[in-house]
Amino acid sequence: MCTFYKIADCRIPQIEDAEIHNKTYRHGDKLIITCHEGFKIRYPDLYNMVSLCHDDGTWDNLPICQGCLRPLASSNGYVNISEFQTSFPVGTVISYRCFPGFKLEGSEYLECLHNLIWSSSPPRCLALE
């Protein structure tokens, strides 16, 4: 007795900060994406930089589009970024402020650099003497 199974198309993957350019999502198709400006493509498997649609309808090795990761906020201060944003495109500049009664130690402004790290460590807010 033979068993037949249907080869399933892959679903359109959800990849944040990316445009998907595929016209079809069939078995054997390679995923074609570009990251939005300021974001860089990263694969979980550094030796296999391709995502393929398998015959069971799943993608392997889906990439992510990454910017600089969210920097730490200072206790006794705040940073001008949305609480929901976790990744920032290259070129983003953020600024730190301290609450009244505290002074900033370190750089007030941080910039997301091309190597996806911030230009300096987050500053601290120290109590005024």
C-alpha atoms as a PDB file:
ATOM      1  CA  MET A   1       0.000   0.000   0.000  1.00  0.00           C
ATOM      2  CA  CYS A   2       1.368   3.375  -1.001  1.00  0.00           C
ATOM      3  CA  THR A   3       0.929   6.436   1.110  1.00  0.00           C
ATOM      4  CA  PHE A   4       0.732   9.736  -0.646  1.00  0.00           C
ATOM      5  CA  TYR A   5       1.121  13.072   1.012  1.00  0.00           C
ATOM      6  CA  LYS A   6       0.505  16.471  -0.440  1.00  0.00           C
ATOM      7  CA  ILE A   7       3.477  18.732  -0.873  1.00  0.00           C
ATOM      8  CA  ALA A   8       2.499  21.937   0.907  1.00  0.00           C
ATOM      9  CA  ASP A   9       3.384  25.470  -0.098  1.00  0.00           C
ATOM     10  CA  CYS A  10       5.215  27.501   2.508  1.00  0.00           C
ATOM     11  CA  ARG A  11       3.491  30.362   4.240  1.00  0.00           C
ATOM     12  CA  ILE A  12       4.717  33.902   3.685  1.00  0.00           C
ATOM     13  CA  PRO A  13       7.201  34.284   6.548  1.00  0.00           C
ATOM     14  CA  GLN A  14       6.839  37.162   8.976  1.00  0.00           C
ATOM     15  CA  ILE A  15      10.204  38.922   9.090  1.00  0.00           C
ATOM     16  CA  GLU A  16      10.281  42.252  10.864  1.00  0.00           C
ATOM     17  CA  ASP A  17      11.990  45.200   9.160  1.00  0.00           C
ATOM     18  CA  ALA A  18      12.167  43.351   5.808  1.00  0.00           C
ATOM     19  CA  GLU A  19      10.599  43.305   2.351  1.00  0.00           C
ATOM     20  CA  ILE A  20       9.869  39.874   0.860  1.00  0.00           C
ATOM     21  CA  HIS A  21      10.280  39.646  -2.929  1.00  0.00           C
ATOM     22  CA  ASN A  22       9.156  36.075  -3.662  1.00  0.00           C
ATOM     23  CA  LYS A  23       6.342  35.530  -6.159  1.00  0.00           C
ATOM     24  CA  THR A  24       5.862  31.868  -5.165  1.00  0.00           C
ATOM     25  CA  TYR A  25       6.323  29.899  -1.946  1.00  0.00           C
ATOM     26  CA  ARG A  26       6.692  26.357  -3.261  1.00  0.00           C
ATOM     27  CA  HIS A  27       8.906  23.440  -2.294  1.00  0.00           C
ATOM     28  CA  GLY A  28      12.510  24.269  -3.216  1.00  0.00           C
ATOM     29  CA  ASP A  29      11.977  28.037  -3.463  1.00  0.00           C
ATOM     30  CA  LYS A  30      14.623  30.207  -1.864  1.00  0.00           C
ATOM     31  CA  LEU A  31      13.443  33.131   0.224  1.00  0.00           C
ATOM     32  CA  ILE A  32      14.337  36.499  -1.325  1.00  0.00           C
ATOM     33  CA  ILE A  33      14.294  39.419   1.104  1.00  0.00           C
ATOM     34  CA  THR A  34      15.893  42.785   1.642  1.00  0.00           C
ATOM     35  CA  CYS A  35      16.128  44.405   5.041  1.00  0.00           C
ATOM     36  CA  HIS A  36      14.783  47.910   5.493  1.00  0.00           C
ATOM     37  CA  GLU A  37      17.358  50.678   5.386  1.00  0.00           C
ATOM     38  CA  GLY A  38      19.620  50.640   8.427  1.00  0.00           C
ATOM     39  CA  PHE A  39      18.991  46.971   9.218  1.00  0.00           C
ATOM     40  CA  LYS A  40      21.310  44.069   8.371  1.00  0.00           C
ATOM     41  CA  ILE A  41      20.427  40.485   7.573  1.00  0.00           C
ATOM     42  CA  ARG A  42      21.501  37.843  10.077  1.00  0.00           C
ATOM     43  CA  TYR A  43      21.077  34.086   9.746  1.00  0.00           C
ATOM     44  CA  PRO A  44      20.964  31.702  12.694  1.00  0.00           C
ATOM     45  CA  ASP A  45      23.278  29.361  10.765  1.00  0.00           C
ATOM     46  CA  LEU A  46      26.369  31.275   9.624  1.00  0.00           C
ATOM     47  CA  TYR A  47      27.401  28.487   7.226  1.00  0.00           C
ATOM     48  CA  ASN A  48      24.044  28.367   5.455  1.00  0.00           C
ATOM     49  CA  MET A  49      22.921  31.833   4.362  1.00  0.00           C
ATOM     50  CA  VAL A  50      19.804  30.632   2.530  1.00  0.00           C
ATOM     51  CA  SER A  51      16.210  29.892   3.541  1.00  0.00           C
ATOM     52  CA  LEU A  52      14.538  27.067   1.607  1.00  0.00           C
ATOM     53  CA  CYS A  53      10.890  26.035   1.454  1.00  0.00           C
ATOM     54  CA  HIS A  54      10.592  22.359   2.456  1.00  0.00           C
ATOM     55  CA  ASP A  55       7.944  19.998   1.115  1.00  0.00           C
ATOM     56  CA  ASP A  56       6.167  19.974   4.492  1.00  0.00           C
ATOM     57  CA  GLY A  57       5.459  23.704   4.133  1.00  0.00           C
ATOM     58  CA  THR A  58       8.122  24.980   6.523  1.00  0.00           C
ATOM     59  CA  TRP A  59      11.066  27.314   5.924  1.00  0.00           C
ATOM     60  CA  ASP A  60      14.493  26.447   7.261  1.00  0.00           C
ATOM     61  CA  ASN A  61      17.014  28.923   8.593  1.00  0.00           C
ATOM     62  CA  LEU A  62      14.791  32.034   8.505  1.00  0.00           C
ATOM     63  CA  PRO A  63      16.866  35.207   8.725  1.00  0.00           C
ATOM     64  CA  ILE A  64      16.213  38.240  10.885  1.00  0.00           C
ATOM     65  CA  CYS A  65      16.837  41.867  10.002  1.00  0.00           C
ATOM     66  CA  GLN A  66      18.704  43.402  12.875  1.00  0.00           C
ATOM     67  CA  GLY A  67      19.718  46.878  13.947  1.00  0.00           C
ATOM     68  CA  CYS A  68      21.306  47.950  17.207  1.00  0.00           C
ATOM     69  CA  LEU A  69      19.696  46.258  20.175  1.00  0.00           C
ATOM     70  CA  ARG A  70      17.818  48.334  22.722  1.00  0.00           C
ATOM     71  CA  PRO A  71      20.297  50.040  25.093  1.00  0.00           C
ATOM     72  CA  LEU A  72      19.752  50.041  28.831  1.00  0.00           C
ATOM     73  CA  ALA A  73      17.914  52.954  30.380  1.00  0.00           C
ATOM     74  CA  SER A  74      19.571  54.634  33.305  1.00  0.00           C
ATOM     75  CA  SER A  75      17.938  54.312  36.689  1.00  0.00           C
ATOM     76  CA  ASN A  76      17.053  57.867  37.769  1.00  0.00           C
ATOM     77  CA  GLY A  77      16.720  58.921  34.136  1.00  0.00           C
ATOM     78  CA  TYR A  78      15.092  58.149  30.820  1.00  0.00           C
ATOM     79  CA  VAL A  79      15.859  57.762  27.116  1.00  0.00           C
ATOM     80  CA  ASN A  80      13.752  59.141  24.235  1.00  0.00           C
ATOM     81  CA  ILE A  81      12.724  55.804  22.674  1.00  0.00           C
ATOM     82  CA  SER A  82       9.449  53.893  22.539  1.00  0.00           C
ATOM     83  CA  GLU A  83       9.086  51.225  25.208  1.00  0.00           C
ATOM     84  CA  PHE A  84       8.085  48.757  22.463  1.00  0.00           C
ATOM     85  CA  GLN A  85      11.040  49.269  20.110  1.00  0.00           C
ATOM     86  CA  THR A  86      13.698  46.565  20.449  1.00  0.00           C
ATOM     87  CA  SER A  87      15.908  47.119  17.380  1.00  0.00           C
ATOM     88  CA  PHE A  88      17.134  50.420  15.942  1.00  0.00           C
ATOM     89  CA  PRO A  89      18.401  51.130  12.408  1.00  0.00           C
ATOM     90  CA  VAL A  90      21.950  52.278  11.717  1.00  0.00           C
ATOM     91  CA  GLY A  91      22.133  56.052  12.099  1.00  0.00           C
ATOM     92  CA  THR A  92      19.556  56.298  14.896  1.00  0.00           C
ATOM     93  CA  VAL A  93      20.569  58.807  17.556  1.00  0.00           C
ATOM     94  CA  ILE A  94      18.990  58.545  20.994  1.00  0.00           C
ATOM     95  CA  SER A  95      19.345  60.947  23.910  1.00  0.00           C
ATOM     96  CA  TYR A  96      19.415  60.417  27.644  1.00  0.00           C
ATOM     97  CA  ARG A  97      18.057  62.760  30.327  1.00  0.00           C
ATOM     98  CA  CYS A  98      18.234  62.550  34.099  1.00  0.00           C
ATOM     99  CA  PHE A  99      15.431  63.207  36.545  1.00  0.00           C
ATOM    100  CA  PRO A 100      15.668  66.416  38.632  1.00  0.00           C
ATOM    101  CA  GLY A 101      18.276  66.079  41.355  1.00  0.00           C
ATOM    102  CA  PHE A 102      20.556  63.882  39.203  1.00  0.00           C
ATOM    103  CA  LYS A 103      23.375  64.716  36.802  1.00  0.00           C
ATOM    104  CA  LEU A 104      24.399  62.851  33.657  1.00  0.00           C
ATOM    105  CA  GLU A 105      27.750  61.034  33.690  1.00  0.00           C
ATOM    106  CA  GLY A 106      28.767  59.861  30.217  1.00  0.00           C
ATOM    107  CA  SER A 107      27.511  60.617  26.732  1.00  0.00           C
ATOM    108  CA  GLU A 108      24.095  62.276  26.418  1.00  0.00           C
ATOM    109  CA  TYR A 109      23.713  60.981  22.845  1.00  0.00           C
ATOM    110  CA  LEU A 110      24.293  57.470  21.486  1.00  0.00           C
ATOM    111  CA  GLU A 111      24.339  56.609  17.772  1.00  0.00           C
ATOM    112  CA  CYS A 112      23.717  53.199  16.210  1.00  0.00           C
ATOM    113  CA  LEU A 113      26.876  52.471  14.171  1.00  0.00           C
ATOM    114  CA  HIS A 114      27.311  50.321  11.030  1.00  0.00           C
ATOM    115  CA  ASN A 115      28.660  47.383  13.059  1.00  0.00           C
ATOM    116  CA  LEU A 116      25.306  47.361  14.934  1.00  0.00           C
ATOM    117  CA  ILE A 117      26.706  48.583  18.243  1.00  0.00           C
ATOM    118  CA  TRP A 118      26.097  51.906  19.970  1.00  0.00           C
ATOM    119  CA  SER A 119      28.739  54.648  19.777  1.00  0.00           C
ATOM    120  CA  SER A 120      29.323  54.505  23.547  1.00  0.00           C
ATOM    121  CA  SER A 121      28.021  52.913  26.728  1.00  0.00           C
ATOM    122  CA  PRO A 122      24.767  54.294  28.131  1.00  0.00           C
ATOM    123  CA  PRO A 123      25.377  57.132  30.588  1.00  0.00           C
ATOM    124  CA  ARG A 124      24.508  57.015  34.286  1.00  0.00           C
ATOM    125  CA  CYS A 125      22.473  59.461  36.347  1.00  0.00           C
ATOM    126  CA  LEU A 126      24.233  60.267  39.603  1.00  0.00           C
ATOM    127  CA  ALA A 127      22.674  62.033  42.588  1.00  0.00           C
ATOM    128  CA  LEU A 128      23.731  65.660  42.964  1.00  0.00           C
ATOM    129  CA  GLU A 129      25.811  66.255  46.090  1.00  0.00           C
END
